[in-house]
Amino acid sequence: MAPNVDRLDGVHDMGGMHGFGPVRTPDGGLTYHEPWELRPLAIACLIGSGWRPTIEGLAPADYLGSSYYVRWLRAAEHKLVEQGYLTPDDLERWMATLGETPDADLPTSSDPETVGAIRAGFEPFVPAAVTSSAFAVGETVRVRRMRPEGHHRCPRYVRGVVGEVERICGAAPLPETADDLECVYTVRFASVDLFGDRSGDGEPPYVLLIDLWERYLEAA
């Protein structure tokens, strides 16, 4: 199913939501659990930007029914079809072949133009120096209440909450445009302000550090 790119303030933003049960991470220190999971990671690096909007646009049932790297793999399929490197028929044919013969040779491409274009997508990110910033370290700020229509990087559970600027990280491209640079701050939040007092459930208070672009913040 193709991603719904118009609904990006959606099911992927699960932070602070109820009804999904406890988070169990007995092996949470592992980067991956199956050898195949390295492939979507490598593909993501090669294809370049545009990953998060594609993953966020997956249909809710597909998103919730997929593991972390399966979401990456689904996004890779959508991006490669969108960019014209693959067709839906290619994917159906390969899935049918591998479903019948798991040990079949994996499909490859030696087309220099295709391989070169995919490799060109990987560009390591380096924050730019900040020439001006609206807020200083130690300043109290509030996350704006908003409902962005497109891709963004502001979790719902922090909107309207007051925190303190912990660090000025540098300037980074805006998530909405992947273009213009804007100052990014690490903001310190108290868990009680975000999720309420949970001491009665045996959960001590803690601190969350969240990186936020300047446009998501206002003076408290």
C-alpha atoms as a PDB file:
ATOM      1  CA  MET A   1       0.000   0.000   0.000  1.00  0.00           C
ATOM      2  CA  ALA A   2       1.374   3.404  -0.952  1.00  0.00           C
ATOM      3  CA  PRO A   3       2.165   5.827   1.887  1.00  0.00           C
ATOM      4  CA  ASN A   4      -0.244   8.620   2.704  1.00  0.00           C
ATOM      5  CA  VAL A   5       2.124  11.585   2.576  1.00  0.00           C
ATOM      6  CA  ASP A   6      -0.577  14.056   3.633  1.00  0.00           C
ATOM      7  CA  ARG A   7      -1.109  12.569   7.106  1.00  0.00           C
ATOM      8  CA  LEU A   8       2.242  12.936   8.836  1.00  0.00           C
ATOM      9  CA  ASP A   9       1.020  13.961  12.299  1.00  0.00           C
ATOM     10  CA  GLY A  10      -0.252  10.423  12.742  1.00  0.00           C
ATOM     11  CA  VAL A  11       0.171   6.954  14.175  1.00  0.00           C
ATOM     12  CA  HIS A  12       3.983   7.030  14.076  1.00  0.00           C
ATOM     13  CA  ASP A  13       3.979   9.733  16.798  1.00  0.00           C
ATOM     14  CA  MET A  14       3.275   7.280  19.631  1.00  0.00           C
ATOM     15  CA  GLY A  15       5.255   8.942  22.430  1.00  0.00           C
ATOM     16  CA  GLY A  16       3.178   9.313  25.582  1.00  0.00           C
ATOM     17  CA  MET A  17       0.167   7.483  24.115  1.00  0.00           C
ATOM     18  CA  HIS A  18      -1.782   4.970  26.189  1.00  0.00           C
ATOM     19  CA  GLY A  19      -3.035   1.532  25.279  1.00  0.00           C
ATOM     20  CA  PHE A  20       0.061  -0.019  23.730  1.00  0.00           C
ATOM     21  CA  GLY A  21       1.244  -1.829  26.853  1.00  0.00           C
ATOM     22  CA  PRO A  22       4.654  -1.669  28.560  1.00  0.00           C
ATOM     23  CA  VAL A  23       7.878  -1.202  26.614  1.00  0.00           C
ATOM     24  CA  ARG A  24       9.961  -4.355  27.016  1.00  0.00           C
ATOM     25  CA  THR A  25      13.595  -4.119  25.974  1.00  0.00           C
ATOM     26  CA  PRO A  26      15.454  -7.115  27.427  1.00  0.00           C
ATOM     27  CA  ASP A  27      17.910  -6.890  24.523  1.00  0.00           C
ATOM     28  CA  GLY A  28      17.531  -3.187  23.863  1.00  0.00           C
ATOM     29  CA  GLY A  29      21.295  -2.696  23.751  1.00  0.00           C
ATOM     30  CA  LEU A  30      21.509  -4.563  20.442  1.00  0.00           C
ATOM     31  CA  THR A  31      21.622  -2.471  17.271  1.00  0.00           C
ATOM     32  CA  TYR A  32      19.909  -5.236  15.304  1.00  0.00           C
ATOM     33  CA  HIS A  33      18.606  -8.739  15.939  1.00  0.00           C
ATOM     34  CA  GLU A  34      18.655 -10.413  12.528  1.00  0.00           C
ATOM     35  CA  PRO A  35      21.412 -10.208   9.847  1.00  0.00           C
ATOM     36  CA  TRP A  36      18.902  -8.995   7.206  1.00  0.00           C
ATOM     37  CA  GLU A  37      18.191  -5.873   9.265  1.00  0.00           C
ATOM     38  CA  LEU A  38      21.550  -4.447   8.195  1.00  0.00           C
ATOM     39  CA  ARG A  39      20.359  -4.329   4.580  1.00  0.00           C
ATOM     40  CA  PRO A  40      17.574  -1.753   5.103  1.00  0.00           C
ATOM     41  CA  LEU A  41      20.025   0.300   7.158  1.00  0.00           C
ATOM     42  CA  ALA A  42      22.574   0.273   4.320  1.00  0.00           C
ATOM     43  CA  ILE A  43      19.884   1.069   1.729  1.00  0.00           C
ATOM     44  CA  ALA A  44      18.727   4.029   3.829  1.00  0.00           C
ATOM     45  CA  CYS A  45      22.251   5.457   3.865  1.00  0.00           C
ATOM     46  CA  LEU A  46      22.603   5.022   0.109  1.00  0.00           C
ATOM     47  CA  ILE A  47      19.236   6.428  -0.931  1.00  0.00           C
ATOM     48  CA  GLY A  48      19.710   9.540   1.197  1.00  0.00           C
ATOM     49  CA  SER A  49      17.075  11.933   2.551  1.00  0.00           C
ATOM     50  CA  GLY A  50      13.311  11.597   2.531  1.00  0.00           C
ATOM     51  CA  TRP A  51      13.064   8.558   4.781  1.00  0.00           C
ATOM     52  CA  ARG A  52      11.027   9.863   7.663  1.00  0.00           C
ATOM     53  CA  PRO A  53       8.140  11.344   5.634  1.00  0.00           C
ATOM     54  CA  THR A  54       7.823   8.047   3.779  1.00  0.00           C
ATOM     55  CA  ILE A  55       7.802   5.962   6.967  1.00  0.00           C
ATOM     56  CA  GLU A  56       5.388   8.387   8.635  1.00  0.00           C
ATOM     57  CA  GLY A  57       3.069   8.116   5.656  1.00  0.00           C
ATOM     58  CA  LEU A  58       2.660   4.336   5.895  1.00  0.00           C
ATOM     59  CA  ALA A  59      -0.925   3.255   6.483  1.00  0.00           C
ATOM     60  CA  PRO A  60      -1.584   2.859  10.239  1.00  0.00           C
ATOM     61  CA  ALA A  61      -2.172  -0.898   9.953  1.00  0.00           C
ATOM     62  CA  ASP A  62       1.077  -1.332   8.004  1.00  0.00           C
ATOM     63  CA  TYR A  63       3.012   0.837  10.460  1.00  0.00           C
ATOM     64  CA  LEU A  64       1.735  -0.849  13.628  1.00  0.00           C
ATOM     65  CA  GLY A  65       2.054  -4.313  12.100  1.00  0.00           C
ATOM     66  CA  SER A  66       5.706  -3.833  11.104  1.00  0.00           C
ATOM     67  CA  SER A  67       8.885  -4.006  13.125  1.00  0.00           C
ATOM     68  CA  TYR A  68      11.404  -1.157  13.069  1.00  0.00           C
ATOM     69  CA  TYR A  69      13.494  -2.392  10.136  1.00  0.00           C
ATOM     70  CA  VAL A  70      10.464  -3.670   8.230  1.00  0.00           C
ATOM     71  CA  ARG A  71       9.255  -0.056   8.211  1.00  0.00           C
ATOM     72  CA  TRP A  72      12.604   0.978   6.769  1.00  0.00           C
ATOM     73  CA  LEU A  73      12.312  -1.746   4.144  1.00  0.00           C
ATOM     74  CA  ARG A  74       8.787  -0.671   3.187  1.00  0.00           C
ATOM     75  CA  ALA A  75       9.978   2.928   2.925  1.00  0.00           C
ATOM     76  CA  ALA A  76      12.896   1.831   0.731  1.00  0.00           C
ATOM     77  CA  GLU A  77      10.510   0.069  -1.636  1.00  0.00           C
ATOM     78  CA  HIS A  78       8.278   3.142  -1.877  1.00  0.00           C
ATOM     79  CA  LYS A  79      11.224   5.497  -2.436  1.00  0.00           C
ATOM     80  CA  LEU A  80      12.859   3.348  -5.122  1.00  0.00           C
ATOM     81  CA  VAL A  81       9.562   2.947  -6.979  1.00  0.00           C
ATOM     82  CA  GLU A  82       8.876   6.682  -6.636  1.00  0.00           C
ATOM     83  CA  GLN A  83      12.323   7.503  -8.048  1.00  0.00           C
ATOM     84  CA  GLY A  84      11.876   5.111 -10.963  1.00  0.00           C
ATOM     85  CA  TYR A  85      14.612   2.607 -10.042  1.00  0.00           C
ATOM     86  CA  LEU A  86      12.075  -0.189  -9.468  1.00  0.00           C
ATOM     87  CA  THR A  87       8.506  -0.939 -10.464  1.00  0.00           C
ATOM     88  CA  PRO A  88       5.740  -2.529  -8.377  1.00  0.00           C
ATOM     89  CA  ASP A  89       5.921  -5.504 -10.767  1.00  0.00           C
ATOM     90  CA  ASP A  90       9.632  -5.937  -9.946  1.00  0.00           C
ATOM     91  CA  LEU A  91       8.821  -6.142  -6.243  1.00  0.00           C
ATOM     92  CA  GLU A  92       5.947  -8.583  -6.721  1.00  0.00           C
ATOM     93  CA  ARG A  93       8.075 -10.817  -8.948  1.00  0.00           C
ATOM     94  CA  TRP A  94      11.020 -10.862  -6.518  1.00  0.00           C
ATOM     95  CA  MET A  95       8.824 -11.525  -3.501  1.00  0.00           C
ATOM     96  CA  ALA A  96       7.136 -14.416  -5.302  1.00  0.00           C
ATOM     97  CA  THR A  97      10.506 -15.872  -6.345  1.00  0.00           C
ATOM     98  CA  LEU A  98      12.064 -15.594  -2.892  1.00  0.00           C
ATOM     99  CA  GLY A  99       8.864 -16.863  -1.262  1.00  0.00           C
ATOM    100  CA  GLU A 100       9.068 -20.058  -3.312  1.00  0.00           C
ATOM    101  CA  THR A 101      12.872 -20.354  -3.226  1.00  0.00           C
ATOM    102  CA  PRO A 102      14.387 -18.600  -0.192  1.00  0.00           C
ATOM    103  CA  ASP A 103      17.909 -19.503  -1.342  1.00  0.00           C
ATOM    104  CA  ALA A 104      17.472 -18.016  -4.810  1.00  0.00           C
ATOM    105  CA  ASP A 105      20.076 -15.519  -5.970  1.00  0.00           C
ATOM    106  CA  LEU A 106      19.208 -11.994  -4.883  1.00  0.00           C
ATOM    107  CA  PRO A 107      18.370  -9.557  -7.700  1.00  0.00           C
ATOM    108  CA  THR A 108      21.190  -7.179  -8.586  1.00  0.00           C
ATOM    109  CA  SER A 109      21.728  -4.212 -10.876  1.00  0.00           C
ATOM    110  CA  SER A 110      24.964  -3.205 -12.563  1.00  0.00           C
ATOM    111  CA  ASP A 111      23.557  -0.200 -14.411  1.00  0.00           C
ATOM    112  CA  PRO A 112      26.172   2.543 -13.715  1.00  0.00           C
ATOM    113  CA  GLU A 113      23.614   5.362 -13.822  1.00  0.00           C
ATOM    114  CA  THR A 114      21.294   3.699 -11.296  1.00  0.00           C
ATOM    115  CA  VAL A 115      24.056   2.595  -8.937  1.00  0.00           C
ATOM    116  CA  GLY A 116      25.746   6.003  -9.134  1.00  0.00           C
ATOM    117  CA  ALA A 117      22.532   7.887  -8.425  1.00  0.00           C
ATOM    118  CA  ILE A 118      21.756   5.774  -5.357  1.00  0.00           C
ATOM    119  CA  ARG A 119      25.270   6.084  -3.965  1.00  0.00           C
ATOM    120  CA  ALA A 120      25.140   9.848  -4.452  1.00  0.00           C
ATOM    121  CA  GLY A 121      22.247  10.011  -2.004  1.00  0.00           C
ATOM    122  CA  PHE A 122      24.451   9.489   1.064  1.00  0.00           C
ATOM    123  CA  GLU A 123      25.680  12.745   2.566  1.00  0.00           C
ATOM    124  CA  PRO A 124      26.875  12.738   6.192  1.00  0.00           C
ATOM    125  CA  PHE A 125      25.224  15.524   8.175  1.00  0.00           C
ATOM    126  CA  VAL A 126      27.371  18.111   9.931  1.00  0.00           C
ATOM    127  CA  PRO A 127      25.578  20.884  11.911  1.00  0.00           C
ATOM    128  CA  ALA A 128      26.364  24.402  10.749  1.00  0.00           C
ATOM    129  CA  ALA A 129      27.576  27.131  13.067  1.00  0.00           C
ATOM    130  CA  VAL A 130      24.864  29.284  14.644  1.00  0.00           C
ATOM    131  CA  THR A 131      25.092  32.976  13.778  1.00  0.00           C
ATOM    132  CA  SER A 132      22.094  33.977  15.902  1.00  0.00           C
ATOM    133  CA  SER A 133      19.704  32.276  18.303  1.00  0.00           C
ATOM    134  CA  ALA A 134      16.431  33.408  19.855  1.00  0.00           C
ATOM    135  CA  PHE A 135      17.035  31.558  23.132  1.00  0.00           C
ATOM    136  CA  ALA A 136      20.013  31.138  25.448  1.00  0.00           C
ATOM    137  CA  VAL A 137      21.208  28.177  27.485  1.00  0.00           C
ATOM    138  CA  GLY A 138      19.271  28.096  30.758  1.00  0.00           C
ATOM    139  CA  GLU A 139      16.301  30.012  29.346  1.00  0.00           C
ATOM    140  CA  THR A 140      12.780  28.731  29.973  1.00  0.00           C
ATOM    141  CA  VAL A 141      10.830  27.975  26.803  1.00  0.00           C
ATOM    142  CA  ARG A 142       7.459  26.522  25.878  1.00  0.00           C
ATOM    143  CA  VAL A 143       6.822  24.250  22.929  1.00  0.00           C
ATOM    144  CA  ARG A 144       4.198  25.783  20.670  1.00  0.00           C
ATOM    145  CA  ARG A 145       0.775  24.171  20.437  1.00  0.00           C
ATOM    146  CA  MET A 146       0.336  23.313  16.785  1.00  0.00           C
ATOM    147  CA  ARG A 147      -0.714  20.680  14.324  1.00  0.00           C
ATOM    148  CA  PRO A 148       1.710  20.710  11.398  1.00  0.00           C
ATOM    149  CA  GLU A 149       0.285  19.464   8.105  1.00  0.00           C
ATOM    150  CA  GLY A 150       3.537  18.063   6.721  1.00  0.00           C
ATOM    151  CA  HIS A 151       6.665  16.308   7.916  1.00  0.00           C
ATOM    152  CA  HIS A 152       8.125  17.763  11.121  1.00  0.00           C
ATOM    153  CA  ARG A 153      10.186  16.768  14.158  1.00  0.00           C
ATOM    154  CA  CYS A 154       8.090  17.983  17.096  1.00  0.00           C
ATOM    155  CA  PRO A 155       6.500  15.159  19.146  1.00  0.00           C
ATOM    156  CA  ARG A 156       2.902  15.689  20.210  1.00  0.00           C
ATOM    157  CA  TYR A 157       3.577  14.951  23.859  1.00  0.00           C
ATOM    158  CA  VAL A 158       5.868  17.982  24.276  1.00  0.00           C
ATOM    159  CA  ARG A 159       3.553  20.563  22.684  1.00  0.00           C
ATOM    160  CA  GLY A 160       2.444  23.165  25.202  1.00  0.00           C
ATOM    161  CA  VAL A 161       4.958  21.941  27.805  1.00  0.00           C
ATOM    162  CA  VAL A 162       7.576  24.182  29.442  1.00  0.00           C
ATOM    163  CA  GLY A 163      11.235  23.174  29.505  1.00  0.00           C
ATOM    164  CA  GLU A 164      14.707  24.648  29.804  1.00  0.00           C
ATOM    165  CA  VAL A 165      17.305  25.101  27.072  1.00  0.00           C
ATOM    166  CA  GLU A 166      20.101  22.677  27.864  1.00  0.00           C
ATOM    167  CA  ARG A 167      22.289  23.246  24.792  1.00  0.00           C
ATOM    168  CA  ILE A 168      22.462  25.087  21.478  1.00  0.00           C
ATOM    169  CA  CYS A 169      23.274  22.326  19.000  1.00  0.00           C
ATOM    170  CA  GLY A 170      23.940  24.287  15.823  1.00  0.00           C
ATOM    171  CA  ALA A 171      21.976  25.030  12.667  1.00  0.00           C
ATOM    172  CA  ALA A 172      20.320  22.206  10.724  1.00  0.00           C
ATOM    173  CA  PRO A 173      18.047  21.970   7.662  1.00  0.00           C
ATOM    174  CA  LEU A 174      14.363  22.347   8.478  1.00  0.00           C
ATOM    175  CA  PRO A 175      12.554  18.987   8.518  1.00  0.00           C
ATOM    176  CA  GLU A 176       9.669  20.542   6.579  1.00  0.00           C
ATOM    177  CA  THR A 177      11.837  21.628   3.649  1.00  0.00           C
ATOM    178  CA  ALA A 178      15.125  19.740   4.152  1.00  0.00           C
ATOM    179  CA  ASP A 179      16.613  23.007   2.952  1.00  0.00           C
ATOM    180  CA  ASP A 180      16.712  26.238   4.989  1.00  0.00           C
ATOM    181  CA  LEU A 181      18.927  26.169   8.085  1.00  0.00           C
ATOM    182  CA  GLU A 182      17.559  26.986  11.537  1.00  0.00           C
ATOM    183  CA  CYS A 183      18.934  26.825  15.065  1.00  0.00           C
ATOM    184  CA  VAL A 184      18.318  23.579  16.978  1.00  0.00           C
ATOM    185  CA  TYR A 185      18.209  23.389  20.773  1.00  0.00           C
ATOM    186  CA  THR A 186      18.376  20.521  23.235  1.00  0.00           C
ATOM    187  CA  VAL A 187      15.523  21.217  25.657  1.00  0.00           C
ATOM    188  CA  ARG A 188      15.313  19.648  29.096  1.00  0.00           C
ATOM    189  CA  PHE A 189      11.861  18.484  30.261  1.00  0.00           C
ATOM    190  CA  ALA A 190      10.728  17.006  33.579  1.00  0.00           C
ATOM    191  CA  SER A 191       8.794  13.750  33.219  1.00  0.00           C
ATOM    192  CA  VAL A 192       6.185  15.042  35.670  1.00  0.00           C
ATOM    193  CA  ASP A 193       5.417  17.961  33.331  1.00  0.00           C
ATOM    194  CA  LEU A 194       5.082  15.623  30.359  1.00  0.00           C
ATOM    195  CA  PHE A 195       3.326  12.583  31.784  1.00  0.00           C
ATOM    196  CA  GLY A 196       2.214  13.514  35.305  1.00  0.00           C
ATOM    197  CA  ASP A 197       3.328  12.222  38.680  1.00  0.00           C
ATOM    198  CA  ARG A 198       3.824   8.438  38.428  1.00  0.00           C
ATOM    199  CA  SER A 199       5.444   7.955  41.822  1.00  0.00           C
ATOM    200  CA  GLY A 200       2.314   6.154  42.999  1.00  0.00           C
ATOM    201  CA  ASP A 201       3.069   3.471  40.402  1.00  0.00           C
ATOM    202  CA  GLY A 202       6.642   3.134  41.621  1.00  0.00           C
ATOM    203  CA  GLU A 203       8.142   5.195  38.796  1.00  0.00           C
ATOM    204  CA  PRO A 204      10.549   7.900  40.014  1.00  0.00           C
ATOM    205  CA  PRO A 205      10.702  11.246  38.166  1.00  0.00           C
ATOM    206  CA  TYR A 206      13.261  11.582  35.391  1.00  0.00           C
ATOM    207  CA  VAL A 207      14.438  14.052  32.728  1.00  0.00           C
ATOM    208  CA  LEU A 208      14.008  13.973  28.943  1.00  0.00           C
ATOM    209  CA  LEU A 209      16.373  15.823  26.592  1.00  0.00           C
ATOM    210  CA  ILE A 210      14.735  16.545  23.230  1.00  0.00           C
ATOM    211  CA  ASP A 211      16.234  18.336  20.226  1.00  0.00           C
ATOM    212  CA  LEU A 212      13.837  20.923  18.786  1.00  0.00           C
ATOM    213  CA  TRP A 213      14.065  23.487  15.992  1.00  0.00           C
ATOM    214  CA  GLU A 214      13.660  27.138  16.958  1.00  0.00           C
ATOM    215  CA  ARG A 215      10.289  27.503  15.196  1.00  0.00           C
ATOM    216  CA  TYR A 216       8.762  24.968  17.564  1.00  0.00           C
ATOM    217  CA  LEU A 217       9.580  27.090  20.622  1.00  0.00           C
ATOM    218  CA  GLU A 218       8.412  30.322  22.244  1.00  0.00           C
ATOM    219  CA  ALA A 219       9.397  32.222  25.377  1.00  0.00           C
ATOM    220  CA  ALA A 220       7.603  30.827  28.433  1.00  0.00           C
END
